[in-house]
């Protein structure tokens, strides 16, 4: 069977054509995935990257629950325009304790991966209560109910830390035992602000090879 006949046979046989497409796609997928699965640097935390505290983890859960990630990604790409606007581009080592990742390039709102320390807690509180009070052209909705809910009621933080430790996050017995106490007296808004204030703080110039950028 020559090449032309074989090619024609594949085109005329729907099942064979589908199998061929899937086979070639699978090879392409493996070529992309295997190097990633075997690259140790993708599983190694950056020098200043640490697991989330009980309060930060609770704030992150609230961030996901309120769908903040729909408008605000956490992945600064190595593009000049993004680095100049948001700060040094994101590194894999900064995300080793993220489950799930909140990557993306959709820019309905600004990327928040370097937002930590950029504004005060009071600014964030006012922004969440009335976004247009600090950003006049903002289309972001207000989240007043976050100031009325107790953070300790947001899921079971002790169980979360226990499960994450089983997945490899280095939480100590003391951190797990004190998790609920760390949340006492805090509202969901307090926890969310604590989470926002730590975003990007795991970055260091040493990790970046002294790569600069606005912060």
N, C-alpha and C. Protein backbone atom coordinates (compact mmCIF):
# COMPACT_ATOMS: atom_id res chain seq x y z
N UNK A 1 0.86 -1.20 0.00
CA UNK A 1 0.00 0.00 0.00
C UNK A 1 0.90 1.25 0.00
N UNK A 2 0.75 2.06 -1.05
CA UNK A 2 1.57 3.25 -1.10
C UNK A 2 0.98 4.35 -0.23
N UNK A 3 1.74 5.43 -0.07
CA UNK A 3 1.32 6.50 0.82
C UNK A 3 0.00 7.13 0.42
N UNK A 4 -0.25 7.31 -0.88
CA UNK A 4 -1.48 7.94 -1.35
C UNK A 4 -2.68 7.07 -1.03
N UNK A 5 -2.55 5.77 -1.23
CA UNK A 5 -3.65 4.85 -0.95
C UNK A 5 -3.96 4.82 0.54
N UNK A 6 -2.92 4.79 1.37
CA UNK A 6 -3.10 4.77 2.81
C UNK A 6 -3.78 6.05 3.28
N UNK A 7 -3.37 7.17 2.73
CA UNK A 7 -3.97 8.47 3.09
C UNK A 7 -5.44 8.50 2.72
N UNK A 8 -5.78 7.98 1.54
CA UNK A 8 -7.16 7.95 1.08
C UNK A 8 -8.01 7.03 1.95
N UNK A 9 -7.41 5.91 2.39
CA UNK A 9 -8.13 4.98 3.23
C UNK A 9 -8.49 5.62 4.57
N UNK A 10 -7.56 6.39 5.11
CA UNK A 10 -7.83 7.08 6.37
C UNK A 10 -8.95 8.09 6.20
N UNK A 11 -8.92 8.86 5.12
CA UNK A 11 -9.93 9.89 4.88
C UNK A 11 -11.32 9.29 4.69
N UNK A 12 -11.38 8.09 4.14
CA UNK A 12 -12.67 7.47 3.84
C UNK A 12 -13.22 6.70 5.03
N UNK A 13 -12.40 6.42 6.02
CA UNK A 13 -12.83 5.67 7.20
C UNK A 13 -12.92 6.62 8.39
N UNK A 14 -14.15 6.99 8.76
CA UNK A 14 -14.34 7.98 9.83
C UNK A 14 -13.71 7.53 11.14
N UNK A 15 -13.90 6.26 11.51
CA UNK A 15 -13.35 5.77 12.76
C UNK A 15 -11.83 5.83 12.78
N UNK A 16 -11.22 5.45 11.68
CA UNK A 16 -9.76 5.48 11.58
C UNK A 16 -9.24 6.91 11.62
N UNK A 17 -9.98 7.82 11.00
CA UNK A 17 -9.58 9.23 10.99
C UNK A 17 -9.63 9.81 12.40
N UNK A 18 -10.70 9.50 13.14
CA UNK A 18 -10.84 9.99 14.52
C UNK A 18 -9.72 9.44 15.40
N UNK A 19 -9.43 8.14 15.23
CA UNK A 19 -8.36 7.52 16.00
C UNK A 19 -7.02 8.19 15.71
N UNK A 20 -6.77 8.48 14.42
CA UNK A 20 -5.53 9.13 14.04
C UNK A 20 -5.38 10.51 14.65
N UNK A 21 -6.50 11.26 14.65
CA UNK A 21 -6.48 12.61 15.24
C UNK A 21 -6.18 12.54 16.74
N UNK A 22 -6.85 11.61 17.42
CA UNK A 22 -6.64 11.47 18.87
C UNK A 22 -5.22 11.02 19.18
N UNK A 23 -4.69 10.12 18.36
CA UNK A 23 -3.35 9.60 18.58
C UNK A 23 -2.30 10.72 18.44
N UNK A 24 -2.43 11.50 17.38
CA UNK A 24 -1.48 12.59 17.15
C UNK A 24 -1.62 13.66 18.23
N UNK A 25 -2.87 13.95 18.65
CA UNK A 25 -3.08 14.94 19.71
C UNK A 25 -2.48 14.48 21.03
N UNK A 26 -2.60 13.17 21.30
CA UNK A 26 -2.04 12.63 22.54
C UNK A 26 -0.53 12.77 22.57
N UNK A 27 0.11 12.52 21.43
CA UNK A 27 1.57 12.67 21.36
C UNK A 27 1.95 14.13 21.62
N UNK A 28 1.22 15.06 20.99
CA UNK A 28 1.49 16.48 21.20
C UNK A 28 1.32 16.89 22.65
N UNK A 29 0.28 16.33 23.30
CA UNK A 29 0.05 16.65 24.71
C UNK A 29 1.16 16.13 25.60
N UNK A 30 1.61 14.90 25.34
CA UNK A 30 2.69 14.32 26.14
C UNK A 30 3.99 15.10 25.99
N UNK A 31 4.25 15.56 24.78
CA UNK A 31 5.47 16.33 24.53
C UNK A 31 5.49 17.59 25.38
N UNK A 32 4.29 18.18 25.61
CA UNK A 32 4.22 19.39 26.41
C UNK A 32 4.19 19.11 27.91
N UNK A 33 3.55 18.01 28.31
CA UNK A 33 3.35 17.74 29.72
C UNK A 33 4.52 17.05 30.41
N UNK A 34 5.16 16.11 29.74
CA UNK A 34 6.22 15.35 30.38
C UNK A 34 7.36 16.22 30.92
N UNK A 35 7.84 17.20 30.16
CA UNK A 35 8.91 18.05 30.72
C UNK A 35 8.47 18.81 31.96
N UNK A 36 7.20 19.21 32.00
CA UNK A 36 6.69 19.95 33.15
C UNK A 36 6.62 19.05 34.37
N UNK A 37 6.16 17.80 34.17
CA UNK A 37 6.01 16.87 35.28
C UNK A 37 7.34 16.45 35.89
N UNK A 38 8.39 16.56 35.11
CA UNK A 38 9.71 16.13 35.59
C UNK A 38 10.62 17.30 35.96
N UNK A 39 10.09 18.53 35.89
CA UNK A 39 10.91 19.70 36.19
C UNK A 39 10.79 20.04 37.67
N UNK A 40 11.81 19.78 38.43
CA UNK A 40 11.78 19.94 39.89
C UNK A 40 11.55 21.38 40.32
N UNK A 41 12.01 22.35 39.54
CA UNK A 41 11.89 23.75 39.93
C UNK A 41 10.44 24.20 40.05
N UNK A 42 9.53 23.51 39.36
CA UNK A 42 8.11 23.88 39.42
C UNK A 42 7.48 23.46 40.74
N UNK A 43 8.14 22.59 41.50
CA UNK A 43 7.62 22.14 42.78
C UNK A 43 8.41 22.70 43.96
N UNK A 44 9.39 23.56 43.67
CA UNK A 44 10.24 24.12 44.71
C UNK A 44 9.82 25.55 45.02
N UNK A 45 9.51 25.80 46.27
CA UNK A 45 9.07 27.14 46.67
C UNK A 45 10.20 28.15 46.54
N UNK A 46 9.84 29.38 46.17
CA UNK A 46 10.81 30.46 46.15
C UNK A 46 11.30 30.72 47.58
N UNK A 47 12.41 31.43 47.68
CA UNK A 47 13.05 31.62 49.00
C UNK A 47 12.10 32.21 50.03
N UNK A 48 11.26 33.15 49.65
CA UNK A 48 10.37 33.82 50.60
C UNK A 48 8.93 33.32 50.55
N UNK A 49 8.69 32.27 49.79
CA UNK A 49 7.33 31.73 49.68
C UNK A 49 7.07 30.75 50.81
N UNK A 50 5.93 30.89 51.46
CA UNK A 50 5.58 30.04 52.60
C UNK A 50 4.11 29.64 52.48
N UNK A 51 3.69 28.63 53.24
CA UNK A 51 2.26 28.26 53.21
C UNK A 51 1.40 29.39 53.77
N UNK A 52 0.17 29.44 53.36
CA UNK A 52 -0.75 30.46 53.87
C UNK A 52 -1.05 30.22 55.35
N UNK A 53 -1.15 31.31 56.11
CA UNK A 53 -1.59 31.20 57.50
C UNK A 53 -3.08 30.88 57.50
N UNK A 54 -3.61 30.57 58.66
CA UNK A 54 -5.04 30.25 58.76
C UNK A 54 -5.89 31.43 58.28
N UNK A 55 -5.48 32.64 58.64
CA UNK A 55 -6.24 33.83 58.25
C UNK A 55 -6.13 34.06 56.74
N UNK A 56 -4.92 33.94 56.20
CA UNK A 56 -4.72 34.13 54.76
C UNK A 56 -5.47 33.09 53.95
N UNK A 57 -5.45 31.86 54.41
CA UNK A 57 -6.15 30.79 53.69
C UNK A 57 -7.65 31.03 53.70
N UNK A 58 -8.16 31.50 54.82
CA UNK A 58 -9.59 31.83 54.91
C UNK A 58 -9.92 32.98 53.95
N UNK A 59 -9.06 34.00 53.92
CA UNK A 59 -9.27 35.11 53.01
C UNK A 59 -9.24 34.66 51.57
N UNK A 60 -8.35 33.72 51.25
CA UNK A 60 -8.27 33.18 49.88
C UNK A 60 -9.56 32.44 49.52
N UNK A 61 -10.09 31.68 50.47
CA UNK A 61 -11.35 30.97 50.22
C UNK A 61 -12.49 31.95 49.95
N UNK A 62 -12.50 33.06 50.68
CA UNK A 62 -13.52 34.09 50.47
C UNK A 62 -13.34 34.73 49.09
N UNK A 63 -12.10 34.99 48.73
CA UNK A 63 -11.75 35.55 47.42
C UNK A 63 -12.31 34.67 46.30
N UNK A 64 -12.16 33.36 46.44
CA UNK A 64 -12.68 32.44 45.42
C UNK A 64 -14.19 32.34 45.49
N UNK A 65 -14.74 32.30 46.69
CA UNK A 65 -16.19 32.19 46.86
C UNK A 65 -16.93 33.37 46.24
N UNK A 66 -16.37 34.56 46.38
CA UNK A 66 -17.00 35.77 45.84
C UNK A 66 -16.65 36.00 44.37
N UNK A 67 -15.95 35.03 43.76
CA UNK A 67 -15.61 35.08 42.33
C UNK A 67 -14.73 36.28 41.95
N UNK A 68 -13.89 36.72 42.88
CA UNK A 68 -12.96 37.81 42.56
C UNK A 68 -12.04 37.41 41.40
N UNK A 69 -11.74 36.12 41.33
CA UNK A 69 -10.82 35.62 40.31
C UNK A 69 -11.39 35.76 38.90
N UNK A 70 -12.70 35.94 38.78
CA UNK A 70 -13.31 36.12 37.46
C UNK A 70 -12.79 37.40 36.80
N UNK A 71 -12.56 38.42 37.59
CA UNK A 71 -12.08 39.71 37.05
C UNK A 71 -10.61 39.97 37.36
N UNK A 72 -10.09 39.36 38.41
CA UNK A 72 -8.71 39.63 38.83
C UNK A 72 -7.87 38.37 38.79
N UNK A 73 -7.02 38.26 37.79
CA UNK A 73 -6.11 37.12 37.71
C UNK A 73 -4.93 37.35 38.65
N UNK A 74 -4.13 36.31 38.83
CA UNK A 74 -2.90 36.42 39.62
C UNK A 74 -1.77 35.76 38.84
N UNK A 75 -1.45 36.37 37.74
CA UNK A 75 -0.38 35.87 36.88
C UNK A 75 0.13 37.01 36.00
N UNK A 76 1.23 37.60 36.40
CA UNK A 76 1.82 38.67 35.61
C UNK A 76 2.74 38.02 34.58
N UNK A 77 2.42 38.20 33.33
CA UNK A 77 3.20 37.57 32.26
C UNK A 77 4.47 38.36 31.98
N UNK A 78 5.51 37.70 31.45
CA UNK A 78 6.78 38.38 31.15
C UNK A 78 6.70 39.24 29.90
N UNK A 79 5.78 40.20 29.94
CA UNK A 79 5.60 41.16 28.85
C UNK A 79 5.90 42.55 29.40
N UNK A 80 6.54 43.38 28.61
CA UNK A 80 6.96 44.70 29.09
C UNK A 80 5.79 45.49 29.65
N UNK A 81 4.65 45.49 28.94
CA UNK A 81 3.50 46.27 29.38
C UNK A 81 3.00 45.80 30.74
N UNK A 82 2.99 44.49 30.97
CA UNK A 82 2.49 43.97 32.24
C UNK A 82 3.48 44.21 33.37
N UNK A 83 4.75 44.03 33.11
CA UNK A 83 5.76 44.26 34.15
C UNK A 83 5.78 45.72 34.57
N UNK A 84 5.65 46.62 33.60
CA UNK A 84 5.66 48.05 33.93
C UNK A 84 4.43 48.46 34.73
N UNK A 85 3.30 47.80 34.46
CA UNK A 85 2.07 48.17 35.16
C UNK A 85 1.91 47.47 36.51
N UNK A 86 2.20 46.15 36.54
CA UNK A 86 1.89 45.37 37.73
C UNK A 86 3.08 45.03 38.60
N UNK A 87 4.28 45.00 38.03
CA UNK A 87 5.46 44.62 38.80
C UNK A 87 6.13 43.41 38.20
N UNK A 88 7.17 42.90 38.84
CA UNK A 88 7.92 41.75 38.31
C UNK A 88 7.02 40.58 37.96
N UNK A 89 7.31 39.93 36.86
CA UNK A 89 6.43 38.86 36.40
C UNK A 89 6.45 37.68 37.37
N UNK A 90 5.39 36.91 37.35
CA UNK A 90 5.20 35.80 38.28
C UNK A 90 6.15 34.64 38.00
N UNK A 91 6.60 34.01 39.09
CA UNK A 91 7.47 32.83 38.98
C UNK A 91 6.74 31.59 39.49
N UNK A 92 7.08 30.44 38.93
CA UNK A 92 6.42 29.19 39.32
C UNK A 92 6.56 28.91 40.81
N UNK A 93 7.74 29.23 41.37
CA UNK A 93 7.99 28.95 42.77
C UNK A 93 7.12 29.71 43.75
N UNK A 94 6.44 30.74 43.26
CA UNK A 94 5.56 31.52 44.13
C UNK A 94 4.19 30.88 44.31
N UNK A 95 3.90 29.84 43.54
CA UNK A 95 2.56 29.26 43.54
C UNK A 95 2.50 27.83 44.08
N UNK A 96 3.58 27.35 44.66
CA UNK A 96 3.61 25.94 45.05
C UNK A 96 2.57 25.60 46.13
N UNK A 97 2.09 26.58 46.89
CA UNK A 97 1.10 26.32 47.92
C UNK A 97 -0.30 26.77 47.50
N UNK A 98 -0.49 27.05 46.22
CA UNK A 98 -1.80 27.48 45.72
C UNK A 98 -2.60 26.27 45.25
N UNK A 99 -3.77 26.09 45.78
CA UNK A 99 -4.69 25.04 45.36
C UNK A 99 -6.10 25.61 45.36
N UNK A 100 -6.69 25.99 44.24
CA UNK A 100 -6.12 25.89 42.89
C UNK A 100 -5.33 27.15 42.54
N UNK A 101 -4.67 27.13 41.36
CA UNK A 101 -4.03 28.33 40.85
C UNK A 101 -5.10 29.31 40.40
N UNK A 102 -4.75 30.59 40.39
CA UNK A 102 -5.68 31.60 39.87
C UNK A 102 -4.99 32.38 38.76
N UNK A 103 -4.45 31.64 37.82
CA UNK A 103 -3.77 32.23 36.68
C UNK A 103 -4.77 32.72 35.65
N UNK A 104 -4.30 33.53 34.73
CA UNK A 104 -5.14 33.99 33.63
C UNK A 104 -4.60 35.28 33.04
N UNK A 105 -5.15 35.63 31.92
CA UNK A 105 -4.72 36.86 31.25
C UNK A 105 -5.90 37.79 30.96
N UNK A 106 -7.09 37.43 31.42
CA UNK A 106 -8.26 38.28 31.22
C UNK A 106 -8.17 39.47 32.17
N UNK A 107 -8.24 40.66 31.62
CA UNK A 107 -8.00 41.86 32.42
C UNK A 107 -9.26 42.72 32.57
N UNK A 108 -10.34 42.15 33.15
CA UNK A 108 -11.50 42.97 33.47
C UNK A 108 -11.11 43.96 34.56
N UNK A 109 -10.37 43.47 35.53
CA UNK A 109 -9.78 44.30 36.56
C UNK A 109 -8.28 44.05 36.57
N UNK A 110 -7.51 44.85 37.28
CA UNK A 110 -6.05 44.67 37.28
C UNK A 110 -5.63 43.33 37.88
N UNK A 111 -4.50 42.81 37.42
CA UNK A 111 -3.92 41.61 38.01
C UNK A 111 -3.49 41.96 39.44
N UNK A 112 -3.73 41.06 40.38
CA UNK A 112 -3.47 41.36 41.79
C UNK A 112 -2.28 40.61 42.38
N UNK A 113 -1.46 40.01 41.54
CA UNK A 113 -0.39 39.20 42.11
C UNK A 113 0.64 40.01 42.88
N UNK A 114 0.78 41.29 42.60
CA UNK A 114 1.74 42.13 43.34
C UNK A 114 1.03 43.21 44.16
N UNK A 115 -0.24 42.97 44.55
CA UNK A 115 -1.00 44.00 45.24
C UNK A 115 -0.59 44.15 46.70
N UNK A 116 0.06 43.12 47.27
CA UNK A 116 0.42 43.15 48.69
C UNK A 116 1.28 44.35 49.06
N UNK A 117 0.83 45.15 50.04
CA UNK A 117 1.59 46.29 50.52
C UNK A 117 1.47 47.54 49.67
N UNK A 118 0.76 47.45 48.56
CA UNK A 118 0.64 48.62 47.69
C UNK A 118 -0.31 49.66 48.28
N UNK A 119 -1.36 49.18 48.96
CA UNK A 119 -2.34 50.08 49.59
C UNK A 119 -2.48 49.70 51.06
N UNK A 120 -3.03 50.61 51.85
CA UNK A 120 -3.23 50.35 53.28
C UNK A 120 -4.46 49.46 53.50
N UNK A 121 -4.56 48.92 54.71
CA UNK A 121 -5.74 48.13 55.05
C UNK A 121 -7.01 48.97 54.95
N UNK A 122 -6.92 50.24 55.37
CA UNK A 122 -8.09 51.12 55.31
C UNK A 122 -8.53 51.35 53.87
N UNK A 123 -7.56 51.46 52.95
CA UNK A 123 -7.90 51.64 51.53
C UNK A 123 -8.66 50.42 51.03
N UNK A 124 -8.18 49.24 51.35
CA UNK A 124 -8.85 48.01 50.90
C UNK A 124 -10.25 47.91 51.50
N UNK A 125 -10.38 48.29 52.76
CA UNK A 125 -11.69 48.21 53.41
C UNK A 125 -12.68 49.13 52.72
N UNK A 126 -12.28 50.36 52.46
CA UNK A 126 -13.16 51.31 51.77
C UNK A 126 -13.45 50.84 50.35
N UNK A 127 -12.45 50.29 49.70
CA UNK A 127 -12.62 49.80 48.33
C UNK A 127 -13.64 48.67 48.26
N UNK A 128 -13.64 47.79 49.26
CA UNK A 128 -14.59 46.68 49.28
C UNK A 128 -16.00 47.16 49.65
N UNK A 129 -16.08 48.19 50.49
CA UNK A 129 -17.38 48.72 50.88
C UNK A 129 -17.98 49.62 49.81
N UNK A 130 -17.13 50.41 49.13
CA UNK A 130 -17.60 51.34 48.11
C UNK A 130 -16.47 51.59 47.10
N UNK A 131 -16.34 50.72 46.12
CA UNK A 131 -15.22 50.81 45.17
C UNK A 131 -15.03 52.17 44.54
N UNK A 132 -16.12 52.88 44.22
CA UNK A 132 -16.02 54.15 43.52
C UNK A 132 -15.58 55.29 44.44
N UNK A 133 -15.51 55.02 45.74
CA UNK A 133 -15.01 56.04 46.66
C UNK A 133 -13.51 56.23 46.50
N UNK A 134 -12.81 55.22 46.01
CA UNK A 134 -11.36 55.32 45.83
C UNK A 134 -10.94 55.19 44.36
N UNK A 135 -11.80 54.55 43.55
CA UNK A 135 -11.54 54.42 42.11
C UNK A 135 -12.81 54.85 41.39
N UNK A 136 -12.92 56.13 41.06
CA UNK A 136 -14.17 56.69 40.53
C UNK A 136 -14.77 55.94 39.33
N UNK A 137 -13.94 55.41 38.45
CA UNK A 137 -14.45 54.74 37.25
C UNK A 137 -14.59 53.23 37.42
N UNK A 138 -14.49 52.75 38.63
CA UNK A 138 -14.54 51.30 38.88
C UNK A 138 -15.91 50.73 38.54
N UNK A 139 -15.93 49.52 37.99
CA UNK A 139 -17.18 48.80 37.74
C UNK A 139 -17.34 47.65 38.73
N UNK A 140 -16.46 47.60 39.69
CA UNK A 140 -16.49 46.53 40.69
C UNK A 140 -17.68 46.70 41.63
N UNK A 141 -18.39 45.61 41.95
CA UNK A 141 -19.50 45.72 42.91
C UNK A 141 -18.97 45.86 44.33
N UNK A 142 -19.82 46.34 45.22
CA UNK A 142 -19.44 46.47 46.63
C UNK A 142 -19.69 45.15 47.36
N UNK A 143 -18.97 44.94 48.45
CA UNK A 143 -19.11 43.71 49.23
C UNK A 143 -19.33 44.02 50.71
N UNK A 144 -20.38 44.76 51.06
CA UNK A 144 -20.59 45.18 52.45
C UNK A 144 -20.84 44.02 53.41
N UNK A 145 -21.41 42.91 52.91
CA UNK A 145 -21.72 41.79 53.80
C UNK A 145 -20.47 41.13 54.38
N UNK A 146 -19.32 41.33 53.75
CA UNK A 146 -18.10 40.73 54.27
C UNK A 146 -17.73 41.31 55.64
N UNK A 147 -18.15 42.56 55.88
CA UNK A 147 -17.84 43.21 57.17
C UNK A 147 -18.78 42.75 58.27
N UNK A 148 -19.80 41.97 57.91
CA UNK A 148 -20.82 41.55 58.88
C UNK A 148 -20.70 40.07 59.24
N UNK A 149 -19.87 39.32 58.53
CA UNK A 149 -19.77 37.88 58.77
C UNK A 149 -18.48 37.54 59.51
N UNK A 150 -18.58 36.60 60.44
CA UNK A 150 -17.40 36.17 61.19
C UNK A 150 -16.54 35.24 60.33
N UNK A 151 -15.25 35.50 60.29
CA UNK A 151 -14.35 34.70 59.46
C UNK A 151 -14.27 33.26 59.95
N UNK A 152 -14.44 33.05 61.24
CA UNK A 152 -14.30 31.71 61.80
C UNK A 152 -15.39 30.77 61.28
N UNK A 153 -16.48 31.33 60.77
CA UNK A 153 -17.58 30.52 60.25
C UNK A 153 -17.39 30.14 58.78
N UNK A 154 -16.29 30.61 58.18
CA UNK A 154 -16.02 30.32 56.78
C UNK A 154 -15.34 28.96 56.66
N UNK A 155 -16.15 27.90 56.58
CA UNK A 155 -15.59 26.56 56.45
C UNK A 155 -14.95 26.08 57.74
N UNK A 156 -14.26 24.96 57.67
CA UNK A 156 -13.58 24.39 58.82
C UNK A 156 -12.08 24.52 58.62
N UNK A 157 -11.50 25.55 59.18
CA UNK A 157 -10.10 25.86 58.91
C UNK A 157 -9.16 24.78 59.45
N UNK A 158 -9.51 24.14 60.55
CA UNK A 158 -8.66 23.10 61.11
C UNK A 158 -8.55 21.92 60.14
N UNK A 159 -9.68 21.50 59.61
CA UNK A 159 -9.67 20.39 58.65
C UNK A 159 -8.91 20.76 57.37
N UNK A 160 -9.04 22.01 56.94
CA UNK A 160 -8.35 22.45 55.72
C UNK A 160 -6.84 22.34 55.89
N UNK A 161 -6.34 22.83 57.01
CA UNK A 161 -4.89 22.78 57.24
C UNK A 161 -4.41 21.33 57.37
N UNK A 162 -5.23 20.49 57.99
CA UNK A 162 -4.87 19.08 58.14
C UNK A 162 -4.75 18.40 56.79
N UNK A 163 -5.73 18.65 55.91
CA UNK A 163 -5.71 18.05 54.58
C UNK A 163 -4.53 18.58 53.77
N UNK A 164 -4.27 19.87 53.85
CA UNK A 164 -3.16 20.46 53.10
C UNK A 164 -1.81 19.89 53.58
N UNK A 165 -1.70 19.61 54.87
CA UNK A 165 -0.46 19.01 55.37
C UNK A 165 -0.26 17.62 54.76
N UNK A 166 -1.34 16.88 54.60
CA UNK A 166 -1.25 15.57 53.97
C UNK A 166 -0.81 15.69 52.51
N UNK A 167 -1.11 16.84 51.91
CA UNK A 167 -0.73 17.06 50.52
C UNK A 167 0.68 17.64 50.39
N UNK A 168 1.34 17.82 51.52
CA UNK A 168 2.73 18.27 51.47
C UNK A 168 3.01 19.67 51.98
N UNK A 169 1.97 20.41 52.41
CA UNK A 169 2.20 21.74 52.96
C UNK A 169 2.74 21.61 54.39
N UNK A 170 3.84 22.28 54.70
CA UNK A 170 4.52 22.06 55.99
C UNK A 170 3.88 22.77 57.19
N UNK A 171 2.63 22.45 57.51
CA UNK A 171 1.99 23.02 58.68
C UNK A 171 2.39 22.22 59.92
N UNK A 172 2.60 22.91 61.01
CA UNK A 172 2.96 22.24 62.26
C UNK A 172 1.70 21.90 63.05
N UNK A 173 1.84 21.04 64.04
CA UNK A 173 0.71 20.71 64.92
C UNK A 173 0.20 21.96 65.61
N UNK A 174 1.13 22.83 66.00
CA UNK A 174 0.74 24.06 66.70
C UNK A 174 -0.08 24.98 65.79
N UNK A 175 0.31 25.12 64.54
CA UNK A 175 -0.44 25.96 63.60
C UNK A 175 -1.85 25.44 63.40
N UNK A 176 -1.98 24.13 63.30
CA UNK A 176 -3.30 23.53 63.11
C UNK A 176 -4.15 23.69 64.37
N UNK A 177 -3.55 23.48 65.53
CA UNK A 177 -4.29 23.59 66.79
C UNK A 177 -4.76 25.02 67.06
N UNK A 178 -3.98 26.01 66.61
CA UNK A 178 -4.32 27.41 66.88
C UNK A 178 -5.10 28.08 65.74
N UNK A 179 -5.45 27.33 64.71
CA UNK A 179 -6.08 27.92 63.52
C UNK A 179 -7.37 28.66 63.84
N UNK A 180 -8.25 28.04 64.63
CA UNK A 180 -9.52 28.70 64.93
C UNK A 180 -9.31 29.92 65.82
N UNK A 181 -8.37 29.83 66.75
CA UNK A 181 -8.09 30.97 67.62
C UNK A 181 -7.56 32.16 66.83
N UNK A 182 -6.80 31.88 65.76
CA UNK A 182 -6.26 32.96 64.92
C UNK A 182 -7.37 33.74 64.23
N UNK A 183 -8.52 33.09 64.02
CA UNK A 183 -9.62 33.74 63.30
C UNK A 183 -10.63 34.43 64.23
N UNK A 184 -10.52 34.18 65.52
CA UNK A 184 -11.48 34.75 66.46
C UNK A 184 -11.47 36.28 66.42
N UNK A 185 -12.66 36.85 66.36
CA UNK A 185 -12.79 38.30 66.36
C UNK A 185 -12.62 38.96 65.01
N UNK A 186 -12.30 38.19 63.98
CA UNK A 186 -12.11 38.75 62.64
C UNK A 186 -13.35 38.55 61.78
N UNK A 187 -13.61 39.52 60.94
CA UNK A 187 -14.69 39.38 59.97
C UNK A 187 -14.12 38.79 58.68
N UNK A 188 -15.01 38.40 57.78
CA UNK A 188 -14.55 37.92 56.48
C UNK A 188 -13.78 38.99 55.74
N UNK A 189 -14.17 40.24 55.90
CA UNK A 189 -13.46 41.33 55.25
C UNK A 189 -12.04 41.45 55.80
N UNK A 190 -11.89 41.29 57.10
CA UNK A 190 -10.55 41.33 57.71
C UNK A 190 -9.66 40.25 57.09
N UNK A 191 -10.20 39.03 56.99
CA UNK A 191 -9.42 37.92 56.45
C UNK A 191 -9.07 38.14 54.99
N UNK A 192 -10.01 38.66 54.23
CA UNK A 192 -9.75 38.92 52.81
C UNK A 192 -8.65 39.96 52.65
N UNK A 193 -8.66 41.00 53.47
CA UNK A 193 -7.64 42.04 53.38
C UNK A 193 -6.27 41.48 53.75
N UNK A 194 -6.22 40.63 54.76
CA UNK A 194 -4.94 39.99 55.13
C UNK A 194 -4.41 39.19 53.95
N UNK A 195 -5.29 38.48 53.27
CA UNK A 195 -4.87 37.71 52.09
C UNK A 195 -4.34 38.62 50.99
N UNK A 196 -5.06 39.70 50.70
CA UNK A 196 -4.63 40.62 49.64
C UNK A 196 -3.28 41.25 49.98
N UNK A 197 -3.06 41.52 51.25
CA UNK A 197 -1.82 42.19 51.66
C UNK A 197 -0.59 41.28 51.57
N UNK A 198 -0.79 39.97 51.44
CA UNK A 198 0.37 39.09 51.32
C UNK A 198 0.66 38.68 49.88
N UNK A 199 -0.24 39.04 48.96
CA UNK A 199 -0.05 38.63 47.57
C UNK A 199 1.22 39.24 46.98
N UNK A 200 2.08 38.40 46.48
CA UNK A 200 3.30 38.86 45.85
C UNK A 200 4.45 39.09 46.80
N UNK A 201 4.23 38.92 48.10
CA UNK A 201 5.30 39.21 49.06
C UNK A 201 6.33 38.08 49.12
N UNK A 202 6.06 36.96 48.45
CA UNK A 202 7.03 35.89 48.40
C UNK A 202 8.11 36.13 47.36
N UNK A 203 7.97 37.20 46.60
CA UNK A 203 8.93 37.53 45.56
C UNK A 203 10.18 38.18 46.15
N UNK A 204 11.33 37.83 45.60
CA UNK A 204 12.57 38.48 46.01
C UNK A 204 13.43 38.72 44.79
N UNK A 205 14.25 39.73 44.83
CA UNK A 205 15.14 40.03 43.72
C UNK A 205 16.13 38.89 43.47
N UNK A 206 16.44 38.15 44.55
CA UNK A 206 17.34 37.01 44.40
C UNK A 206 16.70 35.94 43.54
N UNK A 207 15.40 35.66 43.80
CA UNK A 207 14.69 34.67 43.00
C UNK A 207 14.58 35.11 41.55
N UNK A 208 14.46 36.40 41.35
CA UNK A 208 14.25 36.93 40.01
C UNK A 208 15.55 37.14 39.25
N UNK A 209 16.67 36.84 39.88
CA UNK A 209 17.94 37.11 39.22
C UNK A 209 18.16 38.61 39.08
N UNK A 210 17.70 39.34 40.12
CA UNK A 210 17.82 40.80 40.14
C UNK A 210 17.06 41.45 39.00
N UNK A 211 15.95 40.81 38.59
CA UNK A 211 15.11 41.41 37.54
C UNK A 211 14.22 42.47 38.20
N UNK A 212 14.27 43.67 37.68
CA UNK A 212 13.54 44.77 38.29
C UNK A 212 12.11 44.84 37.83
N UNK A 213 11.46 45.93 38.17
CA UNK A 213 10.08 46.16 37.77
C UNK A 213 9.38 46.97 38.83
N UNK A 214 8.31 47.63 38.43
CA UNK A 214 7.55 48.45 39.36
C UNK A 214 6.83 47.57 40.33
N UNK A 215 6.62 48.05 41.52
CA UNK A 215 5.87 47.29 42.53
C UNK A 215 4.74 48.15 43.02
